[in-house]
PDB file of all heavy atoms in Angstrom:
ATOM      1  N   ASN A   1     -23.050  -1.306  -3.964  1.00  0.00           N
ATOM      2  CA  ASN A   1     -22.985  -1.065  -5.510  1.00  0.00           C
ATOM      3  C   ASN A   1     -21.624  -0.578  -6.005  1.00  0.00           C
ATOM      4  O   ASN A   1     -21.588  -0.018  -7.150  1.00  0.00           O
ATOM      5  CB  ASN A   1     -24.069  -0.142  -5.961  1.00  0.00           C
ATOM      6  CG  ASN A   1     -25.467  -0.622  -5.674  1.00  0.00           C
ATOM      7  OD1 ASN A   1     -25.726  -1.828  -5.873  1.00  0.00           O
ATOM      8  ND2 ASN A   1     -26.358   0.147  -5.245  1.00  0.00           N
ATOM      9  N   ARG A   2     -20.593  -0.755  -5.243  1.00  0.00           N
ATOM     10  CA  ARG A   2     -19.241  -0.357  -5.700  1.00  0.00           C
ATOM     11  C   ARG A   2     -18.355  -1.639  -5.717  1.00  0.00           C
ATOM     12  O   ARG A   2     -18.273  -2.342  -4.750  1.00  0.00           O
ATOM     13  CB  ARG A   2     -18.675   0.631  -4.795  1.00  0.00           C
ATOM     14  CG  ARG A   2     -19.267   1.959  -4.888  1.00  0.00           C
ATOM     15  CD  ARG A   2     -18.556   3.090  -4.122  1.00  0.00           C
ATOM     16  NE  ARG A   2     -19.137   4.463  -4.297  1.00  0.00           N
ATOM     17  CZ  ARG A   2     -18.876   5.250  -5.324  1.00  0.00           C
ATOM     18  NH1 ARG A   2     -17.948   4.938  -6.184  1.00  0.00           N
ATOM     19  NH2 ARG A   2     -19.495   6.448  -5.386  1.00  0.00           N
ATOM     20  N   TRP A   3     -17.692  -1.873  -6.859  1.00  0.00           N
ATOM     21  CA  TRP A   3     -16.778  -2.979  -7.012  1.00  0.00           C
ATOM     22  C   TRP A   3     -15.535  -2.608  -6.254  1.00  0.00           C
ATOM     23  O   TRP A   3     -15.101  -1.400  -6.117  1.00  0.00           O
ATOM     24  CB  TRP A   3     -16.448  -3.227  -8.479  1.00  0.00           C
ATOM     25  CG  TRP A   3     -17.694  -3.661  -9.272  1.00  0.00           C
ATOM     26  CD1 TRP A   3     -18.591  -2.899  -9.867  1.00  0.00           C
ATOM     27  CD2 TRP A   3     -18.157  -5.012  -9.297  1.00  0.00           C
ATOM     28  NE1 TRP A   3     -19.611  -3.642 -10.507  1.00  0.00           N
ATOM     29  CE2 TRP A   3     -19.367  -4.958 -10.087  1.00  0.00           C
ATOM     30  CE3 TRP A   3     -17.711  -6.256  -8.796  1.00  0.00           C
ATOM     31  CZ2 TRP A   3     -20.141  -6.133 -10.416  1.00  0.00           C
ATOM     32  CZ3 TRP A   3     -18.496  -7.365  -9.109  1.00  0.00           C
ATOM     33  CH2 TRP A   3     -19.704  -7.217  -9.885  1.00  0.00           C
ATOM     34  N   ARG A   4     -14.885  -3.718  -5.760  1.00  0.00           N
ATOM     35  CA  ARG A   4     -13.653  -3.489  -4.914  1.00  0.00           C
ATOM     36  C   ARG A   4     -12.528  -4.336  -5.418  1.00  0.00           C
ATOM     37  O   ARG A   4     -12.697  -5.517  -5.507  1.00  0.00           O
ATOM     38  CB  ARG A   4     -13.952  -3.806  -3.494  1.00  0.00           C
ATOM     39  CG  ARG A   4     -15.126  -2.979  -2.917  1.00  0.00           C
ATOM     40  CD  ARG A   4     -15.594  -3.551  -1.644  1.00  0.00           C
ATOM     41  NE  ARG A   4     -14.766  -3.093  -0.497  1.00  0.00           N
ATOM     42  CZ  ARG A   4     -14.129  -3.908   0.304  1.00  0.00           C
ATOM     43  NH1 ARG A   4     -14.108  -5.210   0.138  1.00  0.00           N
ATOM     44  NH2 ARG A   4     -13.408  -3.435   1.302  1.00  0.00           N
ATOM     45  N   GLN A   5     -11.386  -3.719  -5.679  1.00  0.00           N
ATOM     46  CA  GLN A   5     -10.139  -4.408  -6.085  1.00  0.00           C
ATOM     47  C   GLN A   5      -9.124  -4.202  -4.933  1.00  0.00           C
ATOM     48  O   GLN A   5      -9.076  -3.103  -4.377  1.00  0.00           O
ATOM     49  CB  GLN A   5      -9.593  -3.837  -7.395  1.00  0.00           C
ATOM     50  CG  GLN A   5     -10.338  -4.319  -8.608  1.00  0.00           C
ATOM     51  CD  GLN A   5     -10.018  -5.731  -9.085  1.00  0.00           C
ATOM     52  OE1 GLN A   5      -8.832  -6.063  -9.187  1.00  0.00           O
ATOM     53  NE2 GLN A   5     -11.062  -6.539  -9.333  1.00  0.00           N
ATOM     54  N   GLN A   6      -8.337  -5.239  -4.639  1.00  0.00           N
ATOM     55  CA  GLN A   6      -7.453  -5.060  -3.462  1.00  0.00           C
ATOM     56  C   GLN A   6      -6.006  -5.279  -3.836  1.00  0.00           C
ATOM     57  O   GLN A   6      -5.698  -6.106  -4.699  1.00  0.00           O
ATOM     58  CB  GLN A   6      -7.831  -6.225  -2.438  1.00  0.00           C
ATOM     59  CG  GLN A   6      -7.040  -6.185  -1.140  1.00  0.00           C
ATOM     60  CD  GLN A   6      -7.465  -7.378  -0.277  1.00  0.00           C
ATOM     61  OE1 GLN A   6      -7.390  -8.517  -0.552  1.00  0.00           O
ATOM     62  NE2 GLN A   6      -7.867  -6.932   0.982  1.00  0.00           N
ATOM     63  N   ILE A   7      -5.144  -4.544  -3.200  1.00  0.00           N
ATOM     64  CA  ILE A   7      -3.735  -4.688  -3.363  1.00  0.00           C
ATOM     65  C   ILE A   7      -3.177  -4.704  -1.928  1.00  0.00           C
ATOM     66  O   ILE A   7      -3.399  -3.818  -1.103  1.00  0.00           O
ATOM     67  CB  ILE A   7      -3.053  -3.510  -4.140  1.00  0.00           C
ATOM     68  CG1 ILE A   7      -3.663  -3.339  -5.477  1.00  0.00           C
ATOM     69  CG2 ILE A   7      -1.540  -3.796  -4.302  1.00  0.00           C
ATOM     70  CD1 ILE A   7      -3.338  -2.039  -6.182  1.00  0.00           C
ATOM     71  N   LEU A   8      -2.388  -5.773  -1.557  1.00  0.00           N
ATOM     72  CA  LEU A   8      -1.684  -5.870  -0.313  1.00  0.00           C
ATOM     73  C   LEU A   8      -0.247  -5.611  -0.542  1.00  0.00           C
ATOM     74  O   LEU A   8       0.394  -6.241  -1.401  1.00  0.00           O
ATOM     75  CB  LEU A   8      -1.871  -7.282   0.294  1.00  0.00           C
ATOM     76  CG  LEU A   8      -3.343  -7.611   0.715  1.00  0.00           C
ATOM     77  CD1 LEU A   8      -3.384  -9.062   1.235  1.00  0.00           C
ATOM     78  CD2 LEU A   8      -3.859  -6.663   1.813  1.00  0.00           C
ATOM     79  N   VAL A   9       0.320  -4.685   0.301  1.00  0.00           N
ATOM     80  CA  VAL A   9       1.735  -4.362   0.089  1.00  0.00           C
ATOM     81  C   VAL A   9       2.331  -4.509   1.553  1.00  0.00           C
ATOM     82  O   VAL A   9       1.857  -4.024   2.587  1.00  0.00           O
ATOM     83  CB  VAL A   9       1.935  -2.867  -0.283  1.00  0.00           C
ATOM     84  CG1 VAL A   9       3.323  -2.618  -0.723  1.00  0.00           C
ATOM     85  CG2 VAL A   9       0.988  -2.576  -1.484  1.00  0.00           C
ATOM     86  N   ARG A  10       3.493  -5.181   1.568  1.00  0.00           N
ATOM     87  CA  ARG A  10       4.186  -5.380   2.823  1.00  0.00           C
ATOM     88  C   ARG A  10       5.685  -5.419   2.711  1.00  0.00           C
ATOM     89  O   ARG A  10       6.256  -5.745   1.656  1.00  0.00           O
ATOM     90  CB  ARG A  10       3.641  -6.641   3.510  1.00  0.00           C
ATOM     91  CG  ARG A  10       3.808  -7.988   2.681  1.00  0.00           C
ATOM     92  CD  ARG A  10       3.013  -9.046   3.320  1.00  0.00           C
ATOM     93  NE  ARG A  10       3.224 -10.343   2.821  1.00  0.00           N
ATOM     94  CZ  ARG A  10       2.603 -10.766   1.722  1.00  0.00           C
ATOM     95  NH1 ARG A  10       1.691 -10.074   1.164  1.00  0.00           N
ATOM     96  NH2 ARG A  10       2.862 -12.079   1.249  1.00  0.00           N
ATOM     97  N   THR A  11       6.344  -5.005   3.778  1.00  0.00           N
ATOM     98  CA  THR A  11       7.812  -5.114   3.844  1.00  0.00           C
ATOM     99  C   THR A  11       8.208  -5.011   5.307  1.00  0.00           C
ATOM    100  O   THR A  11       7.338  -4.705   6.165  1.00  0.00           O
ATOM    101  CB  THR A  11       8.443  -3.909   3.075  1.00  0.00           C
ATOM    102  OG1 THR A  11       9.817  -4.119   2.917  1.00  0.00           O
ATOM    103  CG2 THR A  11       8.206  -2.544   3.722  1.00  0.00           C
ATOM    104  N   ALA A  12       9.498  -5.154   5.585  1.00  0.00           N
ATOM    105  CA  ALA A  12       9.948  -5.132   6.983  1.00  0.00           C
ATOM    106  C   ALA A  12       9.866  -3.719   7.640  1.00  0.00           C
ATOM    107  O   ALA A  12       9.625  -3.603   8.781  1.00  0.00           O
ATOM    108  CB  ALA A  12      11.386  -5.626   7.066  1.00  0.00           C
ATOM    109  N   GLY A  13      10.051  -2.707   6.841  1.00  0.00           N
ATOM    110  CA  GLY A  13      10.121  -1.347   7.437  1.00  0.00           C
ATOM    111  C   GLY A  13       8.830  -0.551   7.138  1.00  0.00           C
ATOM    112  O   GLY A  13       8.475  -0.344   6.020  1.00  0.00           O
ATOM    113  N   ARG A  14       8.164  -0.089   8.216  1.00  0.00           N
ATOM    114  CA  ARG A  14       6.917   0.606   8.029  1.00  0.00           C
ATOM    115  C   ARG A  14       7.178   1.955   7.364  1.00  0.00           C
ATOM    116  O   ARG A  14       6.330   2.417   6.441  1.00  0.00           O
ATOM    117  CB  ARG A  14       6.199   0.786   9.435  1.00  0.00           C
ATOM    118  CG  ARG A  14       4.862   1.518   9.283  1.00  0.00           C
ATOM    119  CD  ARG A  14       4.197   1.550  10.604  1.00  0.00           C
ATOM    120  NE  ARG A  14       3.636   0.305  10.987  1.00  0.00           N
ATOM    121  CZ  ARG A  14       4.243  -0.586  11.852  1.00  0.00           C
ATOM    122  NH1 ARG A  14       5.430  -0.270  12.442  1.00  0.00           N
ATOM    123  NH2 ARG A  14       3.645  -1.710  12.140  1.00  0.00           N
ATOM    124  N   ARG A  15       8.165   2.646   7.718  1.00  0.00           N
ATOM    125  CA  ARG A  15       8.451   4.014   7.190  1.00  0.00           C
ATOM    126  C   ARG A  15       8.602   3.876   5.694  1.00  0.00           C
ATOM    127  O   ARG A  15       8.076   4.694   4.898  1.00  0.00           O
ATOM    128  CB  ARG A  15       9.646   4.639   7.844  1.00  0.00           C
ATOM    129  CG  ARG A  15       9.993   6.077   7.290  1.00  0.00           C
ATOM    130  CD  ARG A  15      11.079   6.656   8.050  1.00  0.00           C
ATOM    131  NE  ARG A  15      11.396   7.911   7.580  1.00  0.00           N
ATOM    132  CZ  ARG A  15      12.354   8.712   8.055  1.00  0.00           C
ATOM    133  NH1 ARG A  15      13.025   8.285   9.114  1.00  0.00           N
ATOM    134  NH2 ARG A  15      12.626   9.862   7.554  1.00  0.00           N
ATOM    135  N   ARG A  16       9.491   2.924   5.219  1.00  0.00           N
ATOM    136  CA  ARG A  16       9.720   2.720   3.777  1.00  0.00           C
ATOM    137  C   ARG A  16       8.440   2.385   3.043  1.00  0.00           C
ATOM    138  O   ARG A  16       8.184   2.884   2.021  1.00  0.00           O
ATOM    139  CB  ARG A  16      10.739   1.718   3.641  1.00  0.00           C
ATOM    140  CG  ARG A  16      10.989   1.345   2.145  1.00  0.00           C
ATOM    141  CD  ARG A  16      11.945   0.152   1.998  1.00  0.00           C
ATOM    142  NE  ARG A  16      13.265   0.538   2.442  1.00  0.00           N
ATOM    143  CZ  ARG A  16      14.308  -0.340   2.561  1.00  0.00           C
ATOM    144  NH1 ARG A  16      14.028  -1.608   2.336  1.00  0.00           N
ATOM    145  NH2 ARG A  16      15.517   0.036   2.983  1.00  0.00           N
ATOM    146  N   LEU A  17       7.631   1.548   3.709  1.00  0.00           N
ATOM    147  CA  LEU A  17       6.365   1.146   3.112  1.00  0.00           C
ATOM    148  C   LEU A  17       5.437   2.323   2.900  1.00  0.00           C
ATOM    149  O   LEU A  17       4.859   2.511   1.814  1.00  0.00           O
ATOM    150  CB  LEU A  17       5.760   0.095   3.950  1.00  0.00           C
ATOM    151  CG  LEU A  17       4.339  -0.422   3.499  1.00  0.00           C
ATOM    152  CD1 LEU A  17       4.347  -0.991   2.184  1.00  0.00           C
ATOM    153  CD2 LEU A  17       3.828  -1.466   4.551  1.00  0.00           C
ATOM    154  N   VAL A  18       5.238   3.194   3.862  1.00  0.00           N
ATOM    155  CA  VAL A  18       4.346   4.232   3.812  1.00  0.00           C
ATOM    156  C   VAL A  18       4.851   5.253   2.820  1.00  0.00           C
ATOM    157  O   VAL A  18       4.017   5.806   1.978  1.00  0.00           O
ATOM    158  CB  VAL A  18       4.169   4.898   5.178  1.00  0.00           C
ATOM    159  CG1 VAL A  18       3.366   6.204   5.118  1.00  0.00           C
ATOM    160  CG2 VAL A  18       3.441   3.879   6.177  1.00  0.00           C
ATOM    161  N   GLU A  19       6.084   5.504   2.761  1.00  0.00           N
ATOM    162  CA  GLU A  19       6.663   6.496   1.819  1.00  0.00           C
ATOM    163  C   GLU A  19       6.486   5.974   0.411  1.00  0.00           C
ATOM    164  O   GLU A  19       6.173   6.734  -0.486  1.00  0.00           O
ATOM    165  CB  GLU A  19       8.169   6.728   2.108  1.00  0.00           C
ATOM    166  CG  GLU A  19       8.356   7.549   3.381  1.00  0.00           C
ATOM    167  CD  GLU A  19       9.886   7.615   3.720  1.00  0.00           C
ATOM    168  OE1 GLU A  19      10.712   6.865   3.082  1.00  0.00           O
ATOM    169  OE2 GLU A  19      10.235   8.419   4.604  1.00  0.00           O
ATOM    170  N   SER A  20       6.702   4.696   0.151  1.00  0.00           N
ATOM    171  CA  SER A  20       6.494   4.088  -1.189  1.00  0.00           C
ATOM    172  C   SER A  20       5.012   4.276  -1.604  1.00  0.00           C
ATOM    173  O   SER A  20       4.777   4.625  -2.698  1.00  0.00           O
ATOM    174  CB  SER A  20       6.959   2.694  -1.205  1.00  0.00           C
ATOM    175  OG  SER A  20       8.328   2.544  -0.938  1.00  0.00           O
ATOM    176  N   VAL A  21       4.120   3.991  -0.723  1.00  0.00           N
ATOM    177  CA  VAL A  21       2.714   4.087  -0.959  1.00  0.00           C
ATOM    178  C   VAL A  21       2.351   5.599  -1.290  1.00  0.00           C
ATOM    179  O   VAL A  21       1.638   5.868  -2.334  1.00  0.00           O
ATOM    180  CB  VAL A  21       1.841   3.556   0.129  1.00  0.00           C
ATOM    181  CG1 VAL A  21       0.353   3.909  -0.078  1.00  0.00           C
ATOM    182  CG2 VAL A  21       2.006   2.044   0.233  1.00  0.00           C
ATOM    183  N   ASP A  22       2.929   6.469  -0.530  1.00  0.00           N
ATOM    184  CA  ASP A  22       2.648   7.862  -0.712  1.00  0.00           C
ATOM    185  C   ASP A  22       3.100   8.361  -2.127  1.00  0.00           C
ATOM    186  O   ASP A  22       2.407   9.079  -2.861  1.00  0.00           O
ATOM    187  CB  ASP A  22       3.296   8.687   0.361  1.00  0.00           C
ATOM    188  CG  ASP A  22       2.514   8.709   1.635  1.00  0.00           C
ATOM    189  OD1 ASP A  22       1.359   8.289   1.622  1.00  0.00           O
ATOM    190  OD2 ASP A  22       3.108   9.069   2.670  1.00  0.00           O
ATOM    191  N   ARG A  23       4.287   7.847  -2.542  1.00  0.00           N
ATOM    192  CA  ARG A  23       4.864   8.250  -3.875  1.00  0.00           C
ATOM    193  C   ARG A  23       4.035   7.627  -4.975  1.00  0.00           C
ATOM    194  O   ARG A  23       3.782   8.282  -5.997  1.00  0.00           O
ATOM    195  CB  ARG A  23       6.285   7.816  -3.937  1.00  0.00           C
ATOM    196  CG  ARG A  23       7.273   8.575  -3.084  1.00  0.00           C
ATOM    197  CD  ARG A  23       8.709   8.325  -3.533  1.00  0.00           C
ATOM    198  NE  ARG A  23       9.104   6.920  -3.345  1.00  0.00           N
ATOM    199  CZ  ARG A  23       9.679   6.357  -2.293  1.00  0.00           C
ATOM    200  NH1 ARG A  23       9.865   7.158  -1.266  1.00  0.00           N
ATOM    201  NH2 ARG A  23       9.976   5.106  -2.301  1.00  0.00           N
ATOM    202  N   ALA A  24       3.526   6.404  -4.798  1.00  0.00           N
ATOM    203  CA  ALA A  24       2.686   5.750  -5.822  1.00  0.00           C
ATOM    204  C   ALA A  24       1.389   6.487  -5.910  1.00  0.00           C
ATOM    205  O   ALA A  24       0.886   6.698  -7.078  1.00  0.00           O
ATOM    206  CB  ALA A  24       2.473   4.228  -5.492  1.00  0.00           C
TER     207      ALA A  24
END
């Protein structure tokens, strides 16, 4: 009973990706 919206985020560097997600 919960609706789900998805966002996929990707880039070459895992550290940069995780840091950007944390800031968002």
